[in-house]
C-alpha atoms as a PDB file:
ATOM      1  CA  UNK A   1     111.669 153.002  48.696  1.00  0.00           C
ATOM      2  CA  UNK A   2     110.376 149.433  48.203  1.00  0.00           C
ATOM      3  CA  UNK A   3     111.227 145.420  47.619  1.00  0.00           C
ATOM      4  CA  UNK A   4     110.328 143.708  44.731  1.00  0.00           C
ATOM      5  CA  UNK A   5     109.855 139.941  45.603  1.00  0.00           C
ATOM      6  CA  UNK A   6     108.514 136.808  44.386  1.00  0.00           C
ATOM      7  CA  UNK A   7     105.290 136.214  46.755  1.00  0.00           C
ATOM      8  CA  UNK A   8     103.543 132.916  47.302  1.00  0.00           C
ATOM      9  CA  UNK A   9     101.310 132.694  49.691  1.00  0.00           C
ATOM     10  CA  UNK A  10      97.869 130.363  50.021  1.00  0.00           C
ATOM     11  CA  UNK A  11      97.708 129.123  46.762  1.00  0.00           C
ATOM     12  CA  UNK A  12      98.550 132.975  45.411  1.00  0.00           C
ATOM     13  CA  UNK A  13     101.784 133.105  43.074  1.00  0.00           C
ATOM     14  CA  UNK A  14     102.741 136.858  42.496  1.00  0.00           C
ATOM     15  CA  UNK A  15     106.509 136.203  40.443  1.00  0.00           C
ATOM     16  CA  UNK A  16     107.039 140.236  40.505  1.00  0.00           C
ATOM     17  CA  UNK A  17     105.778 141.517  43.593  1.00  0.00           C
ATOM     18  CA  UNK A  18     106.089 145.458  44.866  1.00  0.00           C
ATOM     19  CA  UNK A  19     106.205 146.046  48.369  1.00  0.00           C
ATOM     20  CA  UNK A  20     105.940 149.209  50.491  1.00  0.00           C
ATOM     21  CA  UNK A  21     105.842 150.111  53.989  1.00  0.00           C
ATOM     22  CA  UNK A  22     102.806 152.321  54.213  1.00  0.00           C
ATOM     23  CA  UNK A  23     102.777 153.015  57.611  1.00  0.00           C
ATOM     24  CA  UNK A  24     104.471 153.120  60.467  1.00  0.00           C
ATOM     25  CA  UNK A  25     103.249 154.450  63.800  1.00  0.00           C
ATOM     26  CA  UNK A  26     105.839 154.557  66.408  1.00  0.00           C
ATOM     27  CA  UNK A  27     106.848 155.969  69.864  1.00  0.00           C
ATOM     28  CA  UNK A  28     110.202 155.583  71.609  1.00  0.00           C
ATOM     29  CA  UNK A  29     109.732 151.720  73.165  1.00  0.00           C
ATOM     30  CA  UNK A  30     107.537 150.572  69.671  1.00  0.00           C
ATOM     31  CA  UNK A  31     107.109 150.903  66.396  1.00  0.00           C
ATOM     32  CA  UNK A  32     103.795 149.101  64.476  1.00  0.00           C
ATOM     33  CA  UNK A  33     104.422 149.555  60.459  1.00  0.00           C
ATOM     34  CA  UNK A  34     102.464 148.330  57.763  1.00  0.00           C
ATOM     35  CA  UNK A  35     103.666 146.794  54.776  1.00  0.00           C
ATOM     36  CA  UNK A  36     101.433 146.405  51.603  1.00  0.00           C
ATOM     37  CA  UNK A  37     101.761 144.582  48.583  1.00  0.00           C
ATOM     38  CA  UNK A  38     101.696 145.079  44.537  1.00  0.00           C
ATOM     39  CA  UNK A  39     102.122 142.833  41.393  1.00  0.00           C
ATOM     40  CA  UNK A  40     103.921 144.316  38.982  1.00  0.00           C
ATOM     41  CA  UNK A  41     105.206 144.583  34.885  1.00  0.00           C
ATOM     42  CA  UNK A  42     107.254 146.132  32.889  1.00  0.00           C
ATOM     43  CA  UNK A  43     110.612 148.026  33.815  1.00  0.00           C
ATOM     44  CA  UNK A  44     111.441 152.075  33.990  1.00  0.00           C
ATOM     45  CA  UNK A  45     108.947 154.293  32.755  1.00  0.00           C
ATOM     46  CA  UNK A  46     106.828 150.926  31.316  1.00  0.00           C
ATOM     47  CA  UNK A  47     106.349 149.516  34.637  1.00  0.00           C
ATOM     48  CA  UNK A  48     102.745 149.159  36.024  1.00  0.00           C
ATOM     49  CA  UNK A  49     100.951 149.188  39.428  1.00  0.00           C
ATOM     50  CA  UNK A  50      98.248 146.713  40.062  1.00  0.00           C
ATOM     51  CA  UNK A  51      95.858 147.235  42.977  1.00  0.00           C
ATOM     52  CA  UNK A  52      97.559 146.503  46.374  1.00  0.00           C
ATOM     53  CA  UNK A  53      96.124 142.675  46.940  1.00  0.00           C
ATOM     54  CA  UNK A  54      97.485 142.057  50.606  1.00  0.00           C
ATOM     55  CA  UNK A  55      98.354 143.956  52.993  1.00  0.00           C
ATOM     56  CA  UNK A  56     100.333 143.074  56.465  1.00  0.00           C
ATOM     57  CA  UNK A  57     101.707 144.583  59.897  1.00  0.00           C
ATOM     58  CA  UNK A  58     104.813 143.910  61.732  1.00  0.00           C
ATOM     59  CA  UNK A  59     106.836 146.154  64.491  1.00  0.00           C
ATOM     60  CA  UNK A  60     110.187 146.138  65.364  1.00  0.00           C
ATOM     61  CA  UNK A  61     111.782 147.966  68.598  1.00  0.00           C
ATOM     62  CA  UNK A  62     113.251 151.689  66.439  1.00  0.00           C
ATOM     63  CA  UNK A  63     116.194 153.874  66.969  1.00  0.00           C
ATOM     64  CA  UNK A  64     116.494 157.277  67.491  1.00  0.00           C
ATOM     65  CA  UNK A  65     119.091 157.760  65.002  1.00  0.00           C
ATOM     66  CA  UNK A  66     118.761 160.090  62.078  1.00  0.00           C
ATOM     67  CA  UNK A  67     117.612 157.212  60.118  1.00  0.00           C
ATOM     68  CA  UNK A  68     113.701 157.692  59.818  1.00  0.00           C
ATOM     69  CA  UNK A  69     111.330 155.162  61.108  1.00  0.00           C
ATOM     70  CA  UNK A  70     110.439 154.017  57.157  1.00  0.00           C
ATOM     71  CA  UNK A  71     113.993 153.657  56.482  1.00  0.00           C
ATOM     72  CA  UNK A  72     114.046 150.960  60.039  1.00  0.00           C
ATOM     73  CA  UNK A  73     110.935 149.460  58.692  1.00  0.00           C
ATOM     74  CA  UNK A  74     112.874 147.993  55.767  1.00  0.00           C
ATOM     75  CA  UNK A  75     115.586 146.804  57.483  1.00  0.00           C
ATOM     76  CA  UNK A  76     113.222 144.765  59.559  1.00  0.00           C
ATOM     77  CA  UNK A  77     111.628 143.411  56.893  1.00  0.00           C
ATOM     78  CA  UNK A  78     114.688 142.210  54.890  1.00  0.00           C
ATOM     79  CA  UNK A  79     115.539 140.675  58.402  1.00  0.00           C
ATOM     80  CA  UNK A  80     111.733 138.877  58.298  1.00  0.00           C
ATOM     81  CA  UNK A  81     112.262 135.059  56.321  1.00  0.00           C
ATOM     82  CA  UNK A  82     109.576 136.232  53.784  1.00  0.00           C
ATOM     83  CA  UNK A  83     112.011 138.689  52.627  1.00  0.00           C
ATOM     84  CA  UNK A  84     115.034 136.471  51.835  1.00  0.00           C
ATOM     85  CA  UNK A  85     116.375 137.654  48.313  1.00  0.00           C
ATOM     86  CA  UNK A  86     113.923 140.899  47.927  1.00  0.00           C
ATOM     87  CA  UNK A  87     115.701 143.351  46.087  1.00  0.00           C
ATOM     88  CA  UNK A  88     115.871 147.220  46.529  1.00  0.00           C
ATOM     89  CA  UNK A  89     114.042 149.255  44.025  1.00  0.00           C
END
């Protein structure tokens, strides 16, 4: 599970950015997740991942359902303005 988007922040432009939820710490009341950002190039078996260049944490209220906290974190990311237009990959 990951997202791909165009990353532009503080003068840095990464046209193909791979965003992965690296961790989630959760209780019944609150979850804190960390997303990491990597530049990528190529496709399929030719895809090359570069070193992580940024990370950010975000919070959400978890649901105690059949869906795990990582999946819930991705759903939350997709609701944030910076992730508008992000693709599942």
